[in-house]
Amino acid sequence: MKVLVTGGAGYIGSTLIPVLLDKGYKVVCLDRLFFGKESLAEASENSNFELQKDDVRWFDPRILKDVDTVVDLAALSNDPSGELDPAKTLDINYLGRVRVARLSKEYGVRRYILASSCSVYGFQTEMLTEESAVNPLTTYAKANVMAEKDILPLGDSEFTVTAVRLATVYGLSRRMRFDLAVNGIVLGLYKTGKIQVMRDGSQWRPFIHVKDVAVALTKFVENSPDEVNRQVFNTGSDDQNYQIYPLAELIGRAVRAPFKIEWYGTPDKRSYRVSFRKIKEKLNFTPRLTPSEAAEEIYNALKDGGITDSMRARTVDWYKHLLDAEATVREVMLRNTVL
């Protein structure tokens, strides 16, 4: 079986691809490589791996020929990044993914998996299921809702479509990110001995380790179409719904280092608790790893030099850098044209 992973060089994709290769799949990675290709170094040594440097908005659809499954991860990820250029976010996260899905169906791909997000729930106080109303508050969340709405109806007896609403992801990855809640808390603790908590700390979020995400996505690749077609699955676990302040304290205890809480920002407008009963019962999926384990692993990796902080590890900072560089190039080109 051949699996195409869009955004495969990213935080989740670079964790998923080795899992698929270990299971004997042929894997094609389609990625613009905004963050480089170092995360794919190990995969590149496998003869079943192929890298296509391209963009979901304009790639040659012929690469979909003979592909059995598409796992669509390509997106401008997280809420702050989505607000840097909302039009571009919608262009990639909505229109780009709809294009991938429609072309996948046209070229005979049998299965398409959309990586969506629990952020679509926005702010709600009750426990939320896949049947709950969505309440997207950011461009990133709105793009996910729009993509789900247009892509899920494409599913039929020949084309299986599934939307996977991921909890907030954490943990070590080959393309490390420190702009995610758990990872960022650990980095701040390592660098300053302080844990920054966004006010007022009572907001809820569901969480899932990136390695458990890879396991879950593999289940969607392999499960019967009758179980998952044209359906939405919240992906995480009920016992990893955390309020941010207690989570910060949990992480501080996990790394066994002195720490102080430092508050920042205005009260978070996003808060949601999510039920993951459906994925547990239908696909027998229960995450294995916890924020405490991940925090200890990340902290030790920072101490040992296995990972380092950099602009590329903070998505919004790196996107700002790329946008500034793009603006500079345009300015130079315009000046040269005038001259």
C-alpha atoms as a PDB file:
ATOM      1  CA  MET A   1       0.000   0.000   0.000  1.00  0.00           C
ATOM      2  CA  LYS A   2       1.181   3.517  -0.809  1.00  0.00           C
ATOM      3  CA  VAL A   3       0.379   6.376   1.579  1.00  0.00           C
ATOM      4  CA  LEU A   4       0.847  10.046   0.722  1.00  0.00           C
ATOM      5  CA  VAL A   5       1.378  12.320   3.725  1.00  0.00           C
ATOM      6  CA  THR A   6       1.020  16.042   3.097  1.00  0.00           C
ATOM      7  CA  GLY A   7       2.995  18.172   5.529  1.00  0.00           C
ATOM      8  CA  GLY A   8       5.033  15.078   6.285  1.00  0.00           C
ATOM      9  CA  ALA A   9       8.152  16.981   7.335  1.00  0.00           C
ATOM     10  CA  GLY A  10       6.242  18.697  10.141  1.00  0.00           C
ATOM     11  CA  TYR A  11       5.732  18.022  13.832  1.00  0.00           C
ATOM     12  CA  ILE A  12       3.203  15.203  13.398  1.00  0.00           C
ATOM     13  CA  GLY A  13       4.197  14.004   9.937  1.00  0.00           C
ATOM     14  CA  SER A  14       7.831  13.361  10.841  1.00  0.00           C
ATOM     15  CA  THR A  15       6.595  11.154  13.688  1.00  0.00           C
ATOM     16  CA  LEU A  16       3.950   9.368  11.604  1.00  0.00           C
ATOM     17  CA  ILE A  17       6.094   8.547   8.553  1.00  0.00           C
ATOM     18  CA  PRO A  18       8.586   6.264  10.391  1.00  0.00           C
ATOM     19  CA  VAL A  19       5.633   4.361  11.883  1.00  0.00           C
ATOM     20  CA  LEU A  20       4.154   3.786   8.437  1.00  0.00           C
ATOM     21  CA  LEU A  21       7.534   2.753   7.010  1.00  0.00           C
ATOM     22  CA  ASP A  22       8.087   0.295   9.876  1.00  0.00           C
ATOM     23  CA  LYS A  23       4.741  -1.298   8.986  1.00  0.00           C
ATOM     24  CA  GLY A  24       5.946  -1.849   5.420  1.00  0.00           C
ATOM     25  CA  TYR A  25       4.006   0.897   3.635  1.00  0.00           C
ATOM     26  CA  LYS A  26       5.415   2.880   0.753  1.00  0.00           C
ATOM     27  CA  VAL A  27       5.278   6.537   1.797  1.00  0.00           C
ATOM     28  CA  VAL A  28       5.306   9.708  -0.263  1.00  0.00           C
ATOM     29  CA  CYS A  29       5.847  12.957   1.630  1.00  0.00           C
ATOM     30  CA  LEU A  30       4.475  16.105   0.002  1.00  0.00           C
ATOM     31  CA  ASP A  31       5.812  19.154   1.817  1.00  0.00           C
ATOM     32  CA  ARG A  32       6.770  22.734   1.019  1.00  0.00           C
ATOM     33  CA  LEU A  33       9.680  22.305   3.473  1.00  0.00           C
ATOM     34  CA  PHE A  34       9.210  25.673   5.160  1.00  0.00           C
ATOM     35  CA  PHE A  35      11.063  24.201   8.147  1.00  0.00           C
ATOM     36  CA  GLY A  36      13.648  22.235   6.188  1.00  0.00           C
ATOM     37  CA  LYS A  37      13.923  18.501   5.626  1.00  0.00           C
ATOM     38  CA  GLU A  38      16.187  17.489   8.506  1.00  0.00           C
ATOM     39  CA  SER A  39      13.246  15.799  10.230  1.00  0.00           C
ATOM     40  CA  LEU A  40      13.104  13.324   7.325  1.00  0.00           C
ATOM     41  CA  ALA A  41      16.768  12.259   7.446  1.00  0.00           C
ATOM     42  CA  GLU A  42      16.046   8.814   8.866  1.00  0.00           C
ATOM     43  CA  ALA A  43      13.069   8.189   6.570  1.00  0.00           C
ATOM     44  CA  SER A  44      15.134   9.207   3.531  1.00  0.00           C
ATOM     45  CA  GLU A  45      17.364   6.175   4.057  1.00  0.00           C
ATOM     46  CA  ASN A  46      14.391   3.864   3.495  1.00  0.00           C
ATOM     47  CA  SER A  47      13.862   2.684  -0.079  1.00  0.00           C
ATOM     48  CA  ASN A  48      10.084   2.836   0.423  1.00  0.00           C
ATOM     49  CA  PHE A  49      10.216   6.599   1.066  1.00  0.00           C
ATOM     50  CA  GLU A  50       9.836   9.360  -1.503  1.00  0.00           C
ATOM     51  CA  LEU A  51       9.973  13.131  -0.948  1.00  0.00           C
ATOM     52  CA  GLN A  52       8.079  15.556  -3.175  1.00  0.00           C
ATOM     53  CA  LYS A  53       8.865  19.203  -2.439  1.00  0.00           C
ATOM     54  CA  ASP A  54       5.698  21.042  -3.416  1.00  0.00           C
ATOM     55  CA  ASP A  55       2.646  22.923  -2.163  1.00  0.00           C
ATOM     56  CA  VAL A  56      -0.850  21.488  -1.690  1.00  0.00           C
ATOM     57  CA  ARG A  57      -2.254  24.481  -3.563  1.00  0.00           C
ATOM     58  CA  TRP A  58      -0.551  23.729  -6.873  1.00  0.00           C
ATOM     59  CA  PHE A  59       1.224  20.349  -6.832  1.00  0.00           C
ATOM     60  CA  ASP A  60       0.974  18.182  -9.951  1.00  0.00           C
ATOM     61  CA  PRO A  61      -1.917  15.796  -9.163  1.00  0.00           C
ATOM     62  CA  ARG A  62      -0.250  12.985 -11.091  1.00  0.00           C
ATOM     63  CA  ILE A  63       1.713  12.167  -7.930  1.00  0.00           C
ATOM     64  CA  LEU A  64      -1.573  10.759  -6.620  1.00  0.00           C
ATOM     65  CA  LYS A  65      -1.463   7.987  -9.195  1.00  0.00           C
ATOM     66  CA  ASP A  66      -1.286   4.577  -7.470  1.00  0.00           C
ATOM     67  CA  VAL A  67      -1.677   6.178  -4.016  1.00  0.00           C
ATOM     68  CA  ASP A  68      -4.071   4.211  -1.801  1.00  0.00           C
ATOM     69  CA  THR A  69      -4.396   6.613   1.151  1.00  0.00           C
ATOM     70  CA  VAL A  70      -3.811  10.317   1.742  1.00  0.00           C
ATOM     71  CA  VAL A  71      -3.146  11.635   5.248  1.00  0.00           C
ATOM     72  CA  ASP A  72      -3.610  15.389   4.895  1.00  0.00           C
ATOM     73  CA  LEU A  73      -1.536  17.164   7.560  1.00  0.00           C
ATOM     74  CA  ALA A  74      -0.396  20.218   5.587  1.00  0.00           C
ATOM     75  CA  ALA A  75      -1.571  23.412   7.253  1.00  0.00           C
ATOM     76  CA  LEU A  76      -0.463  26.660   8.831  1.00  0.00           C
ATOM     77  CA  SER A  77      -0.689  25.265  12.320  1.00  0.00           C
ATOM     78  CA  ASN A  78      -2.081  26.764  15.546  1.00  0.00           C
ATOM     79  CA  ASP A  79      -4.178  29.844  16.290  1.00  0.00           C
ATOM     80  CA  PRO A  80      -1.475  32.571  16.463  1.00  0.00           C
ATOM     81  CA  SER A  81       0.081  31.452  13.174  1.00  0.00           C
ATOM     82  CA  GLY A  82      -3.315  31.461  11.512  1.00  0.00           C
ATOM     83  CA  GLU A  83      -3.821  35.130  12.393  1.00  0.00           C
ATOM     84  CA  LEU A  84      -0.565  36.339  10.811  1.00  0.00           C
ATOM     85  CA  ASP A  85      -2.194  36.294   7.384  1.00  0.00           C
ATOM     86  CA  PRO A  86      -5.800  35.070   7.614  1.00  0.00           C
ATOM     87  CA  ALA A  87      -6.284  35.026   3.830  1.00  0.00           C
ATOM     88  CA  LYS A  88      -3.248  32.792   3.368  1.00  0.00           C
ATOM     89  CA  THR A  89      -4.424  30.554   6.218  1.00  0.00           C
ATOM     90  CA  LEU A  90      -7.770  30.004   4.495  1.00  0.00           C
ATOM     91  CA  ASP A  91      -6.004  29.502   1.169  1.00  0.00           C
ATOM     92  CA  ILE A  92      -3.862  26.683   2.565  1.00  0.00           C
ATOM     93  CA  ASN A  93      -5.857  25.207   5.438  1.00  0.00           C
ATOM     94  CA  TYR A  94      -9.230  25.326   3.691  1.00  0.00           C
ATOM     95  CA  LEU A  95      -8.921  25.611  -0.093  1.00  0.00           C
ATOM     96  CA  GLY A  96      -5.649  23.673  -0.242  1.00  0.00           C
ATOM     97  CA  ARG A  97      -7.021  20.715   1.668  1.00  0.00           C
ATOM     98  CA  VAL A  98     -10.270  20.696  -0.303  1.00  0.00           C
ATOM     99  CA  ARG A  99      -8.138  20.564  -3.446  1.00  0.00           C
ATOM    100  CA  VAL A 100      -6.155  17.607  -2.091  1.00  0.00           C
ATOM    101  CA  ALA A 101      -9.359  15.741  -1.197  1.00  0.00           C
ATOM    102  CA  ARG A 102     -11.089  16.342  -4.526  1.00  0.00           C
ATOM    103  CA  LEU A 103      -8.012  15.412  -6.544  1.00  0.00           C
ATOM    104  CA  SER A 104      -7.540  12.310  -4.403  1.00  0.00           C
ATOM    105  CA  LYS A 105     -11.029  11.152  -5.315  1.00  0.00           C
ATOM    106  CA  GLU A 106     -10.521  12.015  -8.989  1.00  0.00           C
ATOM    107  CA  TYR A 107      -7.277  10.025  -9.170  1.00  0.00           C
ATOM    108  CA  GLY A 108      -8.702   6.902  -7.561  1.00  0.00           C
ATOM    109  CA  VAL A 109      -7.301   7.215  -4.042  1.00  0.00           C
ATOM    110  CA  ARG A 110      -9.349   4.954  -1.816  1.00  0.00           C
ATOM    111  CA  ARG A 111      -9.034   6.772   1.511  1.00  0.00           C
ATOM    112  CA  TYR A 112      -8.550  10.367   2.640  1.00  0.00           C
ATOM    113  CA  ILE A 113      -7.857  11.414   6.256  1.00  0.00           C
ATOM    114  CA  LEU A 114      -8.231  15.070   7.230  1.00  0.00           C
ATOM    115  CA  ALA A 115      -6.251  16.238  10.247  1.00  0.00           C
ATOM    116  CA  SER A 116      -8.644  18.671  11.921  1.00  0.00           C
ATOM    117  CA  SER A 117      -8.569  20.018  15.477  1.00  0.00           C
ATOM    118  CA  CYS A 118     -10.593  20.122  18.666  1.00  0.00           C
ATOM    119  CA  SER A 119     -10.044  23.890  18.525  1.00  0.00           C
ATOM    120  CA  VAL A 120     -13.231  23.977  16.431  1.00  0.00           C
ATOM    121  CA  TYR A 121     -15.158  23.832  19.736  1.00  0.00           C
ATOM    122  CA  GLY A 122     -13.877  27.282  20.782  1.00  0.00           C
ATOM    123  CA  PHE A 123     -15.463  28.112  24.119  1.00  0.00           C
ATOM    124  CA  GLN A 124     -18.043  25.785  25.651  1.00  0.00           C
ATOM    125  CA  THR A 125     -18.582  24.576  29.197  1.00  0.00           C
ATOM    126  CA  GLU A 126     -20.112  21.128  28.725  1.00  0.00           C
ATOM    127  CA  MET A 127     -18.336  17.911  27.747  1.00  0.00           C
ATOM    128  CA  LEU A 128     -18.255  17.907  23.943  1.00  0.00           C
ATOM    129  CA  THR A 129     -18.806  15.021  21.546  1.00  0.00           C
ATOM    130  CA  GLU A 130     -18.579  14.827  17.787  1.00  0.00           C
ATOM    131  CA  GLU A 131     -22.272  15.722  17.681  1.00  0.00           C
ATOM    132  CA  SER A 132     -21.819  18.948  19.656  1.00  0.00           C
ATOM    133  CA  ALA A 133     -22.096  22.294  17.912  1.00  0.00           C
ATOM    134  CA  VAL A 134     -18.802  23.829  16.843  1.00  0.00           C
ATOM    135  CA  ASN A 135     -17.811  27.350  17.855  1.00  0.00           C
ATOM    136  CA  PRO A 136     -14.643  28.313  15.971  1.00  0.00           C
ATOM    137  CA  LEU A 137     -13.118  31.523  17.330  1.00  0.00           C
ATOM    138  CA  THR A 138      -9.972  31.845  15.200  1.00  0.00           C
ATOM    139  CA  THR A 139      -9.062  31.693  11.519  1.00  0.00           C
ATOM    140  CA  TYR A 140      -7.276  28.397  12.121  1.00  0.00           C
ATOM    141  CA  ALA A 141     -10.371  26.859  13.727  1.00  0.00           C
ATOM    142  CA  LYS A 142     -12.722  28.311  11.105  1.00  0.00           C
ATOM    143  CA  ALA A 143     -10.594  26.862   8.302  1.00  0.00           C
ATOM    144  CA  ASN A 144     -10.864  23.422   9.912  1.00  0.00           C
ATOM    145  CA  VAL A 145     -14.658  23.681  10.126  1.00  0.00           C
ATOM    146  CA  MET A 146     -14.891  24.813   6.503  1.00  0.00           C
ATOM    147  CA  ALA A 147     -12.621  22.001   5.320  1.00  0.00           C
ATOM    148  CA  GLU A 148     -14.648  19.385   7.201  1.00  0.00           C
ATOM    149  CA  LYS A 149     -17.900  20.741   5.767  1.00  0.00           C
ATOM    150  CA  ASP A 150     -16.699  20.552   2.158  1.00  0.00           C
ATOM    151  CA  ILE A 151     -14.648  17.351   2.358  1.00  0.00           C
ATOM    152  CA  LEU A 152     -16.784  14.905   4.367  1.00  0.00           C
ATOM    153  CA  PRO A 153     -19.601  14.797   1.754  1.00  0.00           C
ATOM    154  CA  LEU A 154     -17.078  13.523  -0.815  1.00  0.00           C
ATOM    155  CA  GLY A 155     -17.100  10.138   0.882  1.00  0.00           C
ATOM    156  CA  ASP A 156     -18.875   7.274  -0.858  1.00  0.00           C
ATOM    157  CA  SER A 157     -18.545   3.537  -1.378  1.00  0.00           C
ATOM    158  CA  GLU A 158     -15.344   4.055  -3.390  1.00  0.00           C
ATOM    159  CA  PHE A 159     -13.798   6.874  -1.382  1.00  0.00           C
ATOM    160  CA  THR A 160     -13.491   6.798   2.420  1.00  0.00           C
ATOM    161  CA  VAL A 161     -13.245  10.197   4.106  1.00  0.00           C
ATOM    162  CA  THR A 162     -12.563  10.782   7.799  1.00  0.00           C
ATOM    163  CA  ALA A 163     -12.046  13.989   9.800  1.00  0.00           C
ATOM    164  CA  VAL A 164      -9.758  13.545  12.801  1.00  0.00           C
ATOM    165  CA  ARG A 165     -10.187  16.295  15.409  1.00  0.00           C
ATOM    166  CA  LEU A 166      -6.912  16.168  17.299  1.00  0.00           C
ATOM    167  CA  ALA A 167      -6.498  17.269  20.879  1.00  0.00           C
ATOM    168  CA  THR A 168      -3.624  19.680  21.580  1.00  0.00           C
ATOM    169  CA  VAL A 169      -0.479  17.738  20.730  1.00  0.00           C
ATOM    170  CA  TYR A 170       2.714  17.553  22.803  1.00  0.00           C
ATOM    171  CA  GLY A 171       5.936  15.557  23.091  1.00  0.00           C
ATOM    172  CA  LEU A 172       9.305  15.167  21.384  1.00  0.00           C
ATOM    173  CA  SER A 173       9.334  15.146  17.596  1.00  0.00           C
ATOM    174  CA  ARG A 174      11.954  15.113  14.870  1.00  0.00           C
ATOM    175  CA  ARG A 175      10.600  18.574  13.947  1.00  0.00           C
ATOM    176  CA  MET A 176      10.330  19.950  17.452  1.00  0.00           C
ATOM    177  CA  ARG A 177       7.829  22.651  18.371  1.00  0.00           C
ATOM    178  CA  PHE A 178       7.922  24.783  21.503  1.00  0.00           C
ATOM    179  CA  ASP A 179       4.808  26.802  20.675  1.00  0.00           C
ATOM    180  CA  LEU A 180       2.560  24.028  22.004  1.00  0.00           C
ATOM    181  CA  ALA A 181       1.326  24.240  25.592  1.00  0.00           C
ATOM    182  CA  VAL A 182       3.136  21.327  27.250  1.00  0.00           C
ATOM    183  CA  ASN A 183       6.344  21.736  25.238  1.00  0.00           C
ATOM    184  CA  GLY A 184       6.429  25.494  25.813  1.00  0.00           C
ATOM    185  CA  ILE A 185       5.897  25.123  29.556  1.00  0.00           C
ATOM    186  CA  VAL A 186       8.852  22.738  29.751  1.00  0.00           C
ATOM    187  CA  LEU A 187      11.099  25.036  27.721  1.00  0.00           C
ATOM    188  CA  GLY A 188      10.278  28.035  29.910  1.00  0.00           C
ATOM    189  CA  LEU A 189      10.950  26.012  33.033  1.00  0.00           C
ATOM    190  CA  TYR A 190      14.301  24.833  31.657  1.00  0.00           C
ATOM    191  CA  LYS A 191      15.448  28.289  30.547  1.00  0.00           C
ATOM    192  CA  THR A 192      14.171  30.502  33.380  1.00  0.00           C
ATOM    193  CA  GLY A 193      12.852  28.329  36.186  1.00  0.00           C
ATOM    194  CA  LYS A 194       9.464  29.910  35.538  1.00  0.00           C
ATOM    195  CA  ILE A 195       6.274  28.507  34.076  1.00  0.00           C
ATOM    196  CA  GLN A 196       4.263  31.018  32.110  1.00  0.00           C
ATOM    197  CA  VAL A 197       0.510  30.482  32.419  1.00  0.00           C
ATOM    198  CA  MET A 198      -2.024  32.362  30.328  1.00  0.00           C
ATOM    199  CA  ARG A 199      -4.709  33.934  32.486  1.00  0.00           C
ATOM    200  CA  ASP A 200      -6.795  32.889  34.206  1.00  0.00           C
ATOM    201  CA  GLY A 201      -5.537  29.291  34.239  1.00  0.00           C
ATOM    202  CA  SER A 202      -8.980  27.734  34.581  1.00  0.00           C
ATOM    203  CA  GLN A 203      -9.427  27.209  30.831  1.00  0.00           C
ATOM    204  CA  TRP A 204      -9.746  23.593  29.688  1.00  0.00           C
ATOM    205  CA  ARG A 205      -7.855  21.839  26.895  1.00  0.00           C
ATOM    206  CA  PRO A 206      -7.621  18.203  25.803  1.00  0.00           C
ATOM    207  CA  PHE A 207      -4.119  16.846  25.133  1.00  0.00           C
ATOM    208  CA  ILE A 208      -2.449  13.957  23.264  1.00  0.00           C
ATOM    209  CA  HIS A 209       1.163  12.872  22.750  1.00  0.00           C
ATOM    210  CA  VAL A 210       2.478  13.127  19.172  1.00  0.00           C
ATOM    211  CA  LYS A 211       3.445   9.424  19.226  1.00  0.00           C
ATOM    212  CA  ASP A 212      -0.132   8.533  20.160  1.00  0.00           C
ATOM    213  CA  VAL A 213      -1.329  10.721  17.275  1.00  0.00           C
ATOM    214  CA  ALA A 214       0.793   8.604  14.927  1.00  0.00           C
ATOM    215  CA  VAL A 215      -0.776   5.433  16.319  1.00  0.00           C
ATOM    216  CA  ALA A 216      -4.279   6.870  15.923  1.00  0.00           C
ATOM    217  CA  LEU A 217      -3.698   8.012  12.341  1.00  0.00           C
ATOM    218  CA  THR A 218      -2.359   4.564  11.487  1.00  0.00           C
ATOM    219  CA  LYS A 219      -5.595   3.071  12.790  1.00  0.00           C
ATOM    220  CA  PHE A 220      -7.551   5.324  10.436  1.00  0.00           C
ATOM    221  CA  VAL A 221      -5.322   4.152   7.583  1.00  0.00           C
ATOM    222  CA  GLU A 222      -6.027   0.513   8.396  1.00  0.00           C
ATOM    223  CA  ASN A 223      -9.570   0.298   9.739  1.00  0.00           C
ATOM    224  CA  SER A 224     -12.611  -0.818   7.773  1.00  0.00           C
ATOM    225  CA  PRO A 225     -14.233   1.971   5.742  1.00  0.00           C
ATOM    226  CA  ASP A 226     -17.572   1.026   7.304  1.00  0.00           C
ATOM    227  CA  GLU A 227     -16.208   2.114  10.702  1.00  0.00           C
ATOM    228  CA  VAL A 228     -14.915   5.549   9.701  1.00  0.00           C
ATOM    229  CA  ASN A 229     -16.373   6.765   6.386  1.00  0.00           C
ATOM    230  CA  ARG A 230     -17.828  10.301   6.368  1.00  0.00           C
ATOM    231  CA  GLN A 231     -17.337  10.516  10.121  1.00  0.00           C
ATOM    232  CA  VAL A 232     -15.652  12.839  12.596  1.00  0.00           C
ATOM    233  CA  PHE A 233     -13.521  11.454  15.428  1.00  0.00           C
ATOM    234  CA  ASN A 234     -12.300  13.399  18.423  1.00  0.00           C
ATOM    235  CA  THR A 235      -8.821  11.984  19.001  1.00  0.00           C
ATOM    236  CA  GLY A 236      -7.340  11.981  22.498  1.00  0.00           C
ATOM    237  CA  SER A 237      -8.426  10.601  25.868  1.00  0.00           C
ATOM    238  CA  ASP A 238     -10.922  11.707  28.489  1.00  0.00           C
ATOM    239  CA  ASP A 239      -8.331  11.623  31.267  1.00  0.00           C
ATOM    240  CA  GLN A 240      -6.129  14.143  29.452  1.00  0.00           C
ATOM    241  CA  ASN A 241      -8.617  17.001  29.630  1.00  0.00           C
ATOM    242  CA  TYR A 242      -6.692  19.493  31.773  1.00  0.00           C
ATOM    243  CA  GLN A 243      -7.147  22.986  33.108  1.00  0.00           C
ATOM    244  CA  ILE A 244      -4.033  24.959  32.256  1.00  0.00           C
ATOM    245  CA  TYR A 245      -2.953  25.957  35.769  1.00  0.00           C
ATOM    246  CA  PRO A 246      -3.146  22.413  37.236  1.00  0.00           C
ATOM    247  CA  LEU A 247      -1.363  21.172  34.099  1.00  0.00           C
ATOM    248  CA  ALA A 248       1.466  23.653  34.676  1.00  0.00           C
ATOM    249  CA  GLU A 249       1.875  22.426  38.253  1.00  0.00           C
ATOM    250  CA  LEU A 250       1.810  18.813  37.061  1.00  0.00           C
ATOM    251  CA  ILE A 251       4.627  19.513  34.607  1.00  0.00           C
ATOM    252  CA  GLY A 252       6.663  21.327  37.254  1.00  0.00           C
ATOM    253  CA  ARG A 253       6.434  18.318  39.548  1.00  0.00           C
ATOM    254  CA  ALA A 254       7.265  15.928  36.714  1.00  0.00           C
ATOM    255  CA  VAL A 255      10.661  17.472  35.967  1.00  0.00           C
ATOM    256  CA  ARG A 256      11.511  17.707  39.676  1.00  0.00           C
ATOM    257  CA  ALA A 257      12.959  21.214  39.429  1.00  0.00           C
ATOM    258  CA  PRO A 258      12.124  24.357  41.426  1.00  0.00           C
ATOM    259  CA  PHE A 259       9.716  26.632  39.593  1.00  0.00           C
ATOM    260  CA  LYS A 260       7.597  29.744  39.896  1.00  0.00           C
ATOM    261  CA  ILE A 261       4.327  30.479  38.124  1.00  0.00           C
ATOM    262  CA  GLU A 262       4.359  33.624  35.986  1.00  0.00           C
ATOM    263  CA  TRP A 263       1.040  34.897  34.655  1.00  0.00           C
ATOM    264  CA  TYR A 264       0.671  36.582  31.276  1.00  0.00           C
ATOM    265  CA  GLY A 265      -1.931  37.848  28.822  1.00  0.00           C
ATOM    266  CA  THR A 266      -5.624  38.492  29.126  1.00  0.00           C
ATOM    267  CA  PRO A 267      -8.043  35.694  30.052  1.00  0.00           C
ATOM    268  CA  ASP A 268      -8.094  33.031  27.350  1.00  0.00           C
ATOM    269  CA  LYS A 269     -11.289  33.076  25.303  1.00  0.00           C
ATOM    270  CA  ARG A 270     -10.896  29.411  24.379  1.00  0.00           C
ATOM    271  CA  SER A 271     -11.916  26.640  26.754  1.00  0.00           C
ATOM    272  CA  TYR A 272     -13.329  23.208  25.967  1.00  0.00           C
ATOM    273  CA  ARG A 273     -13.463  19.681  27.387  1.00  0.00           C
ATOM    274  CA  VAL A 274     -13.853  16.869  24.904  1.00  0.00           C
ATOM    275  CA  SER A 275     -15.201  13.329  25.052  1.00  0.00           C
ATOM    276  CA  PHE A 276     -13.124  10.683  23.284  1.00  0.00           C
ATOM    277  CA  ARG A 277     -15.506   7.822  23.895  1.00  0.00           C
ATOM    278  CA  LYS A 278     -16.233   7.279  20.207  1.00  0.00           C
ATOM    279  CA  ILE A 279     -12.663   6.566  19.124  1.00  0.00           C
ATOM    280  CA  LYS A 280     -12.113   4.344  22.149  1.00  0.00           C
ATOM    281  CA  GLU A 281     -15.209   2.241  21.490  1.00  0.00           C
ATOM    282  CA  LYS A 282     -15.152   2.111  17.681  1.00  0.00           C
ATOM    283  CA  LEU A 283     -11.395   1.837  17.066  1.00  0.00           C
ATOM    284  CA  ASN A 284     -10.164   0.546  20.432  1.00  0.00           C
ATOM    285  CA  PHE A 285      -7.812   3.510  20.707  1.00  0.00           C
ATOM    286  CA  THR A 286      -6.539   4.752  24.053  1.00  0.00           C
ATOM    287  CA  PRO A 287      -3.419   6.971  24.263  1.00  0.00           C
ATOM    288  CA  ARG A 288      -0.541   5.471  26.220  1.00  0.00           C
ATOM    289  CA  LEU A 289       1.663   8.470  27.002  1.00  0.00           C
ATOM    290  CA  THR A 290       1.080  11.340  29.425  1.00  0.00           C
ATOM    291  CA  PRO A 291       2.147  14.989  29.806  1.00  0.00           C
ATOM    292  CA  SER A 292       4.256  14.061  32.848  1.00  0.00           C
ATOM    293  CA  GLU A 293       6.260  11.503  30.860  1.00  0.00           C
ATOM    294  CA  ALA A 294       6.662  13.902  27.949  1.00  0.00           C
ATOM    295  CA  ALA A 295       7.737  16.774  30.209  1.00  0.00           C
ATOM    296  CA  GLU A 296      10.477  14.707  31.802  1.00  0.00           C
ATOM    297  CA  GLU A 297      11.671  13.483  28.401  1.00  0.00           C
ATOM    298  CA  ILE A 298      11.748  16.992  26.887  1.00  0.00           C
ATOM    299  CA  TYR A 299      13.460  18.491  29.940  1.00  0.00           C
ATOM    300  CA  ASN A 300      16.185  15.833  29.891  1.00  0.00           C
ATOM    301  CA  ALA A 301      16.661  16.256  26.146  1.00  0.00           C
ATOM    302  CA  LEU A 302      17.172  19.987  26.654  1.00  0.00           C
ATOM    303  CA  LYS A 303      19.674  19.362  29.455  1.00  0.00           C
ATOM    304  CA  ASP A 304      21.580  16.781  27.396  1.00  0.00           C
ATOM    305  CA  GLY A 305      21.632  18.920  24.254  1.00  0.00           C
ATOM    306  CA  GLY A 306      19.538  16.460  22.288  1.00  0.00           C
ATOM    307  CA  ILE A 307      17.213  19.315  21.340  1.00  0.00           C
ATOM    308  CA  THR A 308      17.685  23.079  21.370  1.00  0.00           C
ATOM    309  CA  ASP A 309      15.440  26.096  21.207  1.00  0.00           C
ATOM    310  CA  SER A 310      15.445  27.972  17.900  1.00  0.00           C
ATOM    311  CA  MET A 311      13.200  30.215  15.853  1.00  0.00           C
ATOM    312  CA  ARG A 312      12.200  27.212  13.726  1.00  0.00           C
ATOM    313  CA  ALA A 313      10.852  25.499  16.831  1.00  0.00           C
ATOM    314  CA  ARG A 314       8.378  28.345  17.369  1.00  0.00           C
ATOM    315  CA  THR A 315       6.001  28.223  14.440  1.00  0.00           C
ATOM    316  CA  VAL A 316       4.608  31.735  14.624  1.00  0.00           C
ATOM    317  CA  ASP A 317       8.093  33.287  14.904  1.00  0.00           C
ATOM    318  CA  TRP A 318       9.347  31.315  11.912  1.00  0.00           C
ATOM    319  CA  TYR A 319       6.318  32.210   9.792  1.00  0.00           C
ATOM    320  CA  LYS A 320       6.848  35.882  10.685  1.00  0.00           C
ATOM    321  CA  HIS A 321      10.449  35.523   9.557  1.00  0.00           C
ATOM    322  CA  LEU A 322       9.371  33.955   6.256  1.00  0.00           C
ATOM    323  CA  LEU A 323       6.722  36.607   5.656  1.00  0.00           C
ATOM    324  CA  ASP A 324       9.219  39.385   6.380  1.00  0.00           C
ATOM    325  CA  ALA A 325      11.746  37.787   4.036  1.00  0.00           C
ATOM    326  CA  GLU A 326       9.093  37.468   1.331  1.00  0.00           C
ATOM    327  CA  ALA A 327       8.145  41.132   1.744  1.00  0.00           C
ATOM    328  CA  THR A 328      11.814  42.151   1.480  1.00  0.00           C
ATOM    329  CA  VAL A 329      12.262  40.170  -1.741  1.00  0.00           C
ATOM    330  CA  ARG A 330       9.171  41.780  -3.250  1.00  0.00           C
ATOM    331  CA  GLU A 331      10.400  45.233  -2.270  1.00  0.00           C
ATOM    332  CA  VAL A 332      13.792  44.620  -3.905  1.00  0.00           C
ATOM    333  CA  MET A 333      12.157  43.253  -7.062  1.00  0.00           C
ATOM    334  CA  LEU A 334       9.840  46.242  -7.267  1.00  0.00           C
ATOM    335  CA  ARG A 335      12.736  48.663  -6.763  1.00  0.00           C
ATOM    336  CA  ASN A 336      14.761  46.943  -9.487  1.00  0.00           C
ATOM    337  CA  THR A 337      11.760  47.028 -11.833  1.00  0.00           C
ATOM    338  CA  VAL A 338      11.301  50.783 -11.270  1.00  0.00           C
ATOM    339  CA  LEU A 339      14.993  51.408 -11.813  1.00  0.00           C
END
